[in-house]
Amino acid sequence: MNLAAVAAPTTNATGLRTAVRIMERWGATQDEIKRTLRVSRSSINRSKGTLTSIELDDDQLDRISYVLNIHAALRTVFDNPENVEGFMAMVNHNEFFFGRTPLDVITGGSYVALYETFRRIDALRGGLW
């Protein structure tokens, strides 16, 4: 028996729950979370309760991973919770963002936008990683 396959749905539920909480702290609406993570509204609502297991596809898992890694990068770069949680809602005039907030970019639902946002935020860590 493949133990990783047995544990995956529980791990998926934990990852989804954590990603939803992070995105809420960034100021994302439920519709924005739904588009970014490509999950249903009912999955988001269940993740806030007693969800212990959920099947997610590779795309959904990748999206959750990017949100978790963006959060980790922000925690490495910033000391204060205001920037860790507020950065995603701040207007950014750097290349790629062009006056949009990182949250606006990722909540459009594009996988590429999520990846590029992660890549640019991760680059802020520089040699800190």
N, C-alpha and C. Protein backbone atom coordinates (compact mmCIF):
# COMPACT_ATOMS: atom_id res chain seq x y z
N MET A 1 0.84 -1.18 0.00
CA MET A 1 0.00 0.00 0.00
C MET A 1 0.89 1.24 0.00
N ASN A 2 0.55 2.21 -0.84
CA ASN A 2 1.28 3.46 -0.93
C ASN A 2 0.79 4.41 0.17
N LEU A 3 1.61 4.60 1.18
CA LEU A 3 1.22 5.44 2.31
C LEU A 3 1.06 6.90 1.92
N ALA A 4 1.84 7.37 0.96
CA ALA A 4 1.71 8.75 0.52
C ALA A 4 0.33 9.00 -0.09
N ALA A 5 -0.17 8.03 -0.83
CA ALA A 5 -1.49 8.18 -1.46
C ALA A 5 -2.59 8.19 -0.40
N VAL A 6 -2.39 7.43 0.68
CA VAL A 6 -3.39 7.39 1.75
C VAL A 6 -3.41 8.72 2.50
N ALA A 7 -2.26 9.30 2.75
CA ALA A 7 -2.17 10.53 3.54
C ALA A 7 -2.50 11.78 2.73
N ALA A 8 -2.41 11.71 1.43
CA ALA A 8 -2.55 12.89 0.59
C ALA A 8 -3.85 13.66 0.83
N PRO A 9 -5.04 13.03 0.86
CA PRO A 9 -6.26 13.83 1.06
C PRO A 9 -6.26 14.63 2.36
N THR A 10 -5.67 14.10 3.43
CA THR A 10 -5.59 14.83 4.69
C THR A 10 -4.64 16.01 4.54
N THR A 11 -3.49 15.77 3.93
CA THR A 11 -2.53 16.84 3.68
C THR A 11 -3.14 17.91 2.79
N ASN A 12 -3.90 17.49 1.79
CA ASN A 12 -4.56 18.43 0.89
C ASN A 12 -5.50 19.35 1.67
N ALA A 13 -6.26 18.77 2.59
CA ALA A 13 -7.21 19.56 3.39
C ALA A 13 -6.47 20.59 4.23
N THR A 14 -5.36 20.21 4.82
CA THR A 14 -4.56 21.13 5.63
C THR A 14 -3.99 22.24 4.77
N GLY A 15 -3.47 21.89 3.60
CA GLY A 15 -2.92 22.89 2.69
C GLY A 15 -3.97 23.88 2.23
N LEU A 16 -5.15 23.36 1.85
CA LEU A 16 -6.23 24.23 1.40
C LEU A 16 -6.66 25.16 2.53
N ARG A 17 -6.86 24.62 3.72
CA ARG A 17 -7.27 25.42 4.87
C ARG A 17 -6.27 26.55 5.12
N THR A 18 -4.99 26.23 5.07
CA THR A 18 -3.94 27.21 5.34
C THR A 18 -3.90 28.28 4.25
N ALA A 19 -3.99 27.87 2.99
CA ALA A 19 -3.96 28.82 1.87
C ALA A 19 -5.16 29.77 1.94
N VAL A 20 -6.33 29.24 2.27
CA VAL A 20 -7.52 30.09 2.37
C VAL A 20 -7.33 31.12 3.49
N ARG A 21 -6.81 30.69 4.64
CA ARG A 21 -6.58 31.63 5.75
C ARG A 21 -5.60 32.73 5.36
N ILE A 22 -4.52 32.32 4.69
CA ILE A 22 -3.52 33.30 4.26
C ILE A 22 -4.14 34.31 3.31
N MET A 23 -4.87 33.82 2.32
CA MET A 23 -5.46 34.73 1.33
C MET A 23 -6.49 35.66 1.98
N GLU A 24 -7.22 35.16 2.96
CA GLU A 24 -8.16 36.03 3.69
C GLU A 24 -7.40 37.13 4.42
N ARG A 25 -6.26 36.80 5.02
CA ARG A 25 -5.45 37.82 5.71
C ARG A 25 -4.89 38.82 4.72
N TRP A 26 -4.69 38.41 3.47
CA TRP A 26 -4.24 39.34 2.44
C TRP A 26 -5.37 40.25 1.98
N GLY A 27 -6.61 39.93 2.36
CA GLY A 27 -7.75 40.74 1.97
C GLY A 27 -8.52 40.20 0.77
N ALA A 28 -8.25 38.97 0.38
CA ALA A 28 -8.94 38.37 -0.77
C ALA A 28 -10.38 38.01 -0.42
N THR A 29 -11.27 38.21 -1.36
CA THR A 29 -12.66 37.80 -1.20
C THR A 29 -12.77 36.30 -1.50
N GLN A 30 -13.92 35.74 -1.18
CA GLN A 30 -14.13 34.33 -1.46
C GLN A 30 -14.05 34.04 -2.96
N ASP A 31 -14.60 34.93 -3.78
CA ASP A 31 -14.51 34.74 -5.23
C ASP A 31 -13.07 34.81 -5.72
N GLU A 32 -12.28 35.70 -5.15
CA GLU A 32 -10.87 35.79 -5.53
C GLU A 32 -10.10 34.55 -5.12
N ILE A 33 -10.41 34.03 -3.94
CA ILE A 33 -9.77 32.79 -3.49
C ILE A 33 -10.16 31.65 -4.42
N LYS A 34 -11.42 31.59 -4.76
CA LYS A 34 -11.93 30.55 -5.66
C LYS A 34 -11.19 30.57 -7.00
N ARG A 35 -11.03 31.75 -7.58
CA ARG A 35 -10.34 31.87 -8.87
C ARG A 35 -8.86 31.54 -8.76
N THR A 36 -8.23 32.03 -7.71
CA THR A 36 -6.79 31.83 -7.54
C THR A 36 -6.45 30.36 -7.33
N LEU A 37 -7.18 29.70 -6.44
CA LEU A 37 -6.88 28.31 -6.10
C LEU A 37 -7.60 27.31 -7.01
N ARG A 38 -8.56 27.82 -7.80
CA ARG A 38 -9.37 26.99 -8.69
C ARG A 38 -10.09 25.89 -7.90
N VAL A 39 -10.74 26.31 -6.83
CA VAL A 39 -11.55 25.41 -6.01
C VAL A 39 -12.96 25.97 -5.92
N SER A 40 -13.89 25.13 -5.55
CA SER A 40 -15.29 25.55 -5.45
C SER A 40 -15.53 26.34 -4.17
N ARG A 41 -16.60 27.11 -4.20
CA ARG A 41 -17.02 27.87 -3.02
C ARG A 41 -17.29 26.91 -1.85
N SER A 42 -17.91 25.76 -2.15
CA SER A 42 -18.20 24.81 -1.07
C SER A 42 -16.92 24.24 -0.46
N SER A 43 -15.89 24.03 -1.29
CA SER A 43 -14.61 23.55 -0.74
C SER A 43 -13.99 24.59 0.18
N ILE A 44 -14.09 25.86 -0.22
CA ILE A 44 -13.57 26.94 0.63
C ILE A 44 -14.32 26.97 1.96
N ASN A 45 -15.65 26.90 1.89
CA ASN A 45 -16.45 26.93 3.11
C ASN A 45 -16.17 25.71 3.99
N ARG A 46 -16.04 24.54 3.39
CA ARG A 46 -15.74 23.34 4.18
C ARG A 46 -14.35 23.43 4.79
N SER A 47 -13.41 24.10 4.11
CA SER A 47 -12.05 24.20 4.65
C SER A 47 -12.02 25.01 5.93
N LYS A 48 -13.02 25.84 6.13
CA LYS A 48 -13.09 26.66 7.34
C LYS A 48 -13.69 25.89 8.51
N GLY A 49 -14.25 24.75 8.22
CA GLY A 49 -14.89 23.95 9.26
C GLY A 49 -14.09 22.72 9.61
N THR A 50 -14.72 21.60 9.45
CA THR A 50 -14.13 20.34 9.91
C THR A 50 -13.60 19.48 8.76
N LEU A 51 -13.31 20.11 7.63
CA LEU A 51 -12.78 19.37 6.49
C LEU A 51 -11.51 18.63 6.89
N THR A 52 -11.53 17.30 6.74
CA THR A 52 -10.35 16.51 7.09
C THR A 52 -9.74 15.84 5.89
N SER A 53 -10.46 15.83 4.77
CA SER A 53 -9.95 15.16 3.58
C SER A 53 -10.59 15.78 2.34
N ILE A 54 -9.78 15.98 1.31
CA ILE A 54 -10.30 16.50 0.05
C ILE A 54 -9.38 16.04 -1.07
N GLU A 55 -9.96 15.69 -2.18
CA GLU A 55 -9.19 15.32 -3.36
C GLU A 55 -8.96 16.58 -4.18
N LEU A 56 -7.71 16.86 -4.50
CA LEU A 56 -7.36 18.01 -5.33
C LEU A 56 -6.48 17.54 -6.48
N ASP A 57 -6.60 18.21 -7.62
CA ASP A 57 -5.76 17.82 -8.75
C ASP A 57 -4.41 18.53 -8.65
N ASP A 58 -3.50 18.18 -9.54
CA ASP A 58 -2.14 18.74 -9.48
C ASP A 58 -2.13 20.26 -9.64
N ASP A 59 -2.99 20.79 -10.51
CA ASP A 59 -3.05 22.24 -10.70
C ASP A 59 -3.47 22.93 -9.41
N GLN A 60 -4.48 22.40 -8.74
CA GLN A 60 -4.93 22.99 -7.49
C GLN A 60 -3.84 22.92 -6.42
N LEU A 61 -3.16 21.78 -6.36
CA LEU A 61 -2.07 21.64 -5.38
C LEU A 61 -0.93 22.61 -5.67
N ASP A 62 -0.61 22.80 -6.95
CA ASP A 62 0.43 23.76 -7.31
C ASP A 62 0.03 25.17 -6.89
N ARG A 63 -1.21 25.53 -7.12
CA ARG A 63 -1.69 26.86 -6.76
C ARG A 63 -1.62 27.08 -5.25
N ILE A 64 -2.03 26.08 -4.49
CA ILE A 64 -1.94 26.16 -3.04
C ILE A 64 -0.48 26.31 -2.62
N SER A 65 0.39 25.55 -3.25
CA SER A 65 1.82 25.62 -2.95
C SER A 65 2.38 27.02 -3.21
N TYR A 66 1.98 27.64 -4.32
CA TYR A 66 2.46 28.99 -4.61
C TYR A 66 2.00 29.98 -3.55
N VAL A 67 0.76 29.89 -3.12
CA VAL A 67 0.27 30.79 -2.07
C VAL A 67 1.08 30.59 -0.79
N LEU A 68 1.30 29.34 -0.41
CA LEU A 68 2.07 29.05 0.80
C LEU A 68 3.51 29.57 0.67
N ASN A 69 4.09 29.42 -0.51
CA ASN A 69 5.46 29.86 -0.72
C ASN A 69 5.57 31.38 -0.82
N ILE A 70 4.57 32.05 -1.37
CA ILE A 70 4.55 33.50 -1.35
C ILE A 70 4.53 33.98 0.10
N HIS A 71 3.67 33.37 0.90
CA HIS A 71 3.59 33.74 2.31
C HIS A 71 4.93 33.51 3.02
N ALA A 72 5.57 32.38 2.74
CA ALA A 72 6.87 32.09 3.35
C ALA A 72 7.91 33.12 2.94
N ALA A 73 7.91 33.51 1.67
CA ALA A 73 8.86 34.52 1.20
C ALA A 73 8.61 35.85 1.90
N LEU A 74 7.35 36.24 2.02
CA LEU A 74 7.03 37.50 2.70
C LEU A 74 7.45 37.46 4.16
N ARG A 75 7.30 36.31 4.81
CA ARG A 75 7.72 36.19 6.21
C ARG A 75 9.23 36.28 6.35
N THR A 76 9.95 35.86 5.32
CA THR A 76 11.41 35.95 5.35
C THR A 76 11.86 37.39 5.12
N VAL A 77 11.20 38.09 4.22
CA VAL A 77 11.61 39.44 3.85
C VAL A 77 11.21 40.47 4.90
N PHE A 78 10.03 40.33 5.48
CA PHE A 78 9.51 41.33 6.41
C PHE A 78 9.45 40.80 7.84
N ASP A 79 9.71 41.70 8.80
CA ASP A 79 9.65 41.34 10.22
C ASP A 79 8.27 41.56 10.81
N ASN A 80 7.54 42.52 10.24
CA ASN A 80 6.30 42.92 10.88
C ASN A 80 5.07 42.34 10.16
N PRO A 81 4.07 41.95 10.93
CA PRO A 81 2.85 41.35 10.36
C PRO A 81 2.13 42.27 9.38
N GLU A 82 2.24 43.58 9.58
CA GLU A 82 1.55 44.51 8.67
C GLU A 82 2.05 44.35 7.24
N ASN A 83 3.35 44.16 7.07
CA ASN A 83 3.88 43.97 5.72
C ASN A 83 3.71 42.54 5.24
N VAL A 84 3.86 41.57 6.12
CA VAL A 84 3.68 40.18 5.73
C VAL A 84 2.27 39.98 5.18
N GLU A 85 1.30 40.51 5.89
CA GLU A 85 -0.09 40.33 5.48
C GLU A 85 -0.58 41.43 4.54
N GLY A 86 0.04 42.60 4.60
CA GLY A 86 -0.44 43.72 3.80
C GLY A 86 0.21 43.89 2.44
N PHE A 87 1.38 43.31 2.24
CA PHE A 87 2.13 43.50 1.00
C PHE A 87 1.31 43.14 -0.23
N MET A 88 0.55 42.08 -0.17
CA MET A 88 -0.20 41.62 -1.34
C MET A 88 -1.29 42.60 -1.76
N ALA A 89 -1.70 43.47 -0.85
CA ALA A 89 -2.74 44.46 -1.18
C ALA A 89 -2.16 45.85 -1.45
N MET A 90 -0.84 45.96 -1.46
CA MET A 90 -0.19 47.24 -1.72
C MET A 90 0.05 47.43 -3.21
N VAL A 91 -0.23 48.63 -3.69
CA VAL A 91 0.04 48.95 -5.09
C VAL A 91 1.54 48.81 -5.33
N ASN A 92 1.89 48.18 -6.43
CA ASN A 92 3.29 47.90 -6.74
C ASN A 92 3.58 48.45 -8.13
N HIS A 93 4.55 49.33 -8.22
CA HIS A 93 4.89 49.95 -9.51
C HIS A 93 6.08 49.28 -10.19
N ASN A 94 6.56 48.18 -9.65
CA ASN A 94 7.66 47.47 -10.29
C ASN A 94 7.18 46.80 -11.57
N GLU A 95 8.16 46.47 -12.40
CA GLU A 95 7.87 45.76 -13.64
C GLU A 95 7.01 44.54 -13.33
N PHE A 96 6.12 44.21 -14.21
CA PHE A 96 5.15 43.13 -14.13
C PHE A 96 3.88 43.56 -13.40
N PHE A 97 3.99 44.28 -12.29
CA PHE A 97 2.80 44.70 -11.56
C PHE A 97 2.21 45.99 -12.14
N PHE A 98 3.06 46.92 -12.56
CA PHE A 98 2.64 48.15 -13.24
C PHE A 98 1.46 48.85 -12.57
N GLY A 99 1.59 49.10 -11.26
CA GLY A 99 0.57 49.84 -10.54
C GLY A 99 -0.57 49.00 -9.99
N ARG A 100 -0.50 47.72 -10.19
CA ARG A 100 -1.53 46.82 -9.63
C ARG A 100 -1.00 46.23 -8.33
N THR A 101 -1.88 45.70 -7.54
CA THR A 101 -1.44 44.99 -6.34
C THR A 101 -1.13 43.55 -6.74
N PRO A 102 -0.21 42.90 -6.03
CA PRO A 102 0.03 41.48 -6.31
C PRO A 102 -1.25 40.65 -6.18
N LEU A 103 -2.11 41.02 -5.23
CA LEU A 103 -3.37 40.31 -5.05
C LEU A 103 -4.25 40.45 -6.29
N ASP A 104 -4.31 41.64 -6.88
CA ASP A 104 -5.07 41.82 -8.12
C ASP A 104 -4.55 40.92 -9.22
N VAL A 105 -3.24 40.78 -9.28
CA VAL A 105 -2.63 39.98 -10.34
C VAL A 105 -2.98 38.50 -10.17
N ILE A 106 -2.84 37.97 -8.96
CA ILE A 106 -3.06 36.53 -8.79
C ILE A 106 -4.53 36.14 -8.80
N THR A 107 -5.41 37.07 -8.42
CA THR A 107 -6.82 36.71 -8.33
C THR A 107 -7.53 36.72 -9.68
N GLY A 108 -6.81 37.05 -10.73
CA GLY A 108 -7.37 36.92 -12.07
C GLY A 108 -7.55 35.46 -12.46
N GLY A 109 -6.89 34.58 -11.75
CA GLY A 109 -7.06 33.15 -11.97
C GLY A 109 -6.02 32.51 -12.88
N SER A 110 -5.14 33.30 -13.46
CA SER A 110 -4.14 32.75 -14.37
C SER A 110 -3.03 32.06 -13.58
N TYR A 111 -2.72 30.84 -13.99
CA TYR A 111 -1.64 30.09 -13.36
C TYR A 111 -0.31 30.82 -13.58
N VAL A 112 -0.11 31.34 -14.77
CA VAL A 112 1.13 32.04 -15.10
C VAL A 112 1.28 33.28 -14.22
N ALA A 113 0.20 34.03 -14.01
CA ALA A 113 0.26 35.23 -13.15
C ALA A 113 0.62 34.85 -11.72
N LEU A 114 0.07 33.74 -11.24
CA LEU A 114 0.39 33.28 -9.89
C LEU A 114 1.86 32.89 -9.79
N TYR A 115 2.33 32.15 -10.78
CA TYR A 115 3.75 31.74 -10.81
C TYR A 115 4.67 32.97 -10.87
N GLU A 116 4.37 33.91 -11.77
CA GLU A 116 5.23 35.09 -11.93
C GLU A 116 5.21 35.95 -10.68
N THR A 117 4.07 36.06 -10.03
CA THR A 117 3.99 36.82 -8.79
C THR A 117 4.86 36.17 -7.73
N PHE A 118 4.75 34.85 -7.61
CA PHE A 118 5.61 34.12 -6.67
C PHE A 118 7.08 34.37 -6.98
N ARG A 119 7.44 34.25 -8.26
CA ARG A 119 8.84 34.38 -8.67
C ARG A 119 9.40 35.75 -8.29
N ARG A 120 8.62 36.79 -8.51
CA ARG A 120 9.09 38.14 -8.22
C ARG A 120 9.16 38.41 -6.71
N ILE A 121 8.21 37.89 -5.96
CA ILE A 121 8.26 38.06 -4.51
C ILE A 121 9.39 37.21 -3.92
N ASP A 122 9.56 36.02 -4.44
CA ASP A 122 10.63 35.16 -3.97
C ASP A 122 12.00 35.80 -4.22
N ALA A 123 12.13 36.55 -5.31
CA ALA A 123 13.39 37.21 -5.62
C ALA A 123 13.75 38.27 -4.57
N LEU A 124 12.76 38.78 -3.85
CA LEU A 124 13.03 39.76 -2.80
C LEU A 124 13.90 39.17 -1.69
N ARG A 125 13.82 37.84 -1.55
CA ARG A 125 14.63 37.18 -0.52
C ARG A 125 16.11 37.25 -0.84
N GLY A 126 16.41 37.33 -2.14
CA GLY A 126 17.82 37.39 -2.56
C GLY A 126 18.61 36.26 -1.94
N GLY A 127 19.62 36.60 -1.19
CA GLY A 127 20.46 35.59 -0.56
C GLY A 127 19.93 35.08 0.76
N LEU A 128 18.70 35.48 1.12
CA LEU A 128 18.16 35.07 2.41
C LEU A 128 17.66 33.63 2.43
N TRP A 129 17.46 33.05 1.29
CA TRP A 129 16.87 31.71 1.21
C TRP A 129 17.85 30.65 1.48
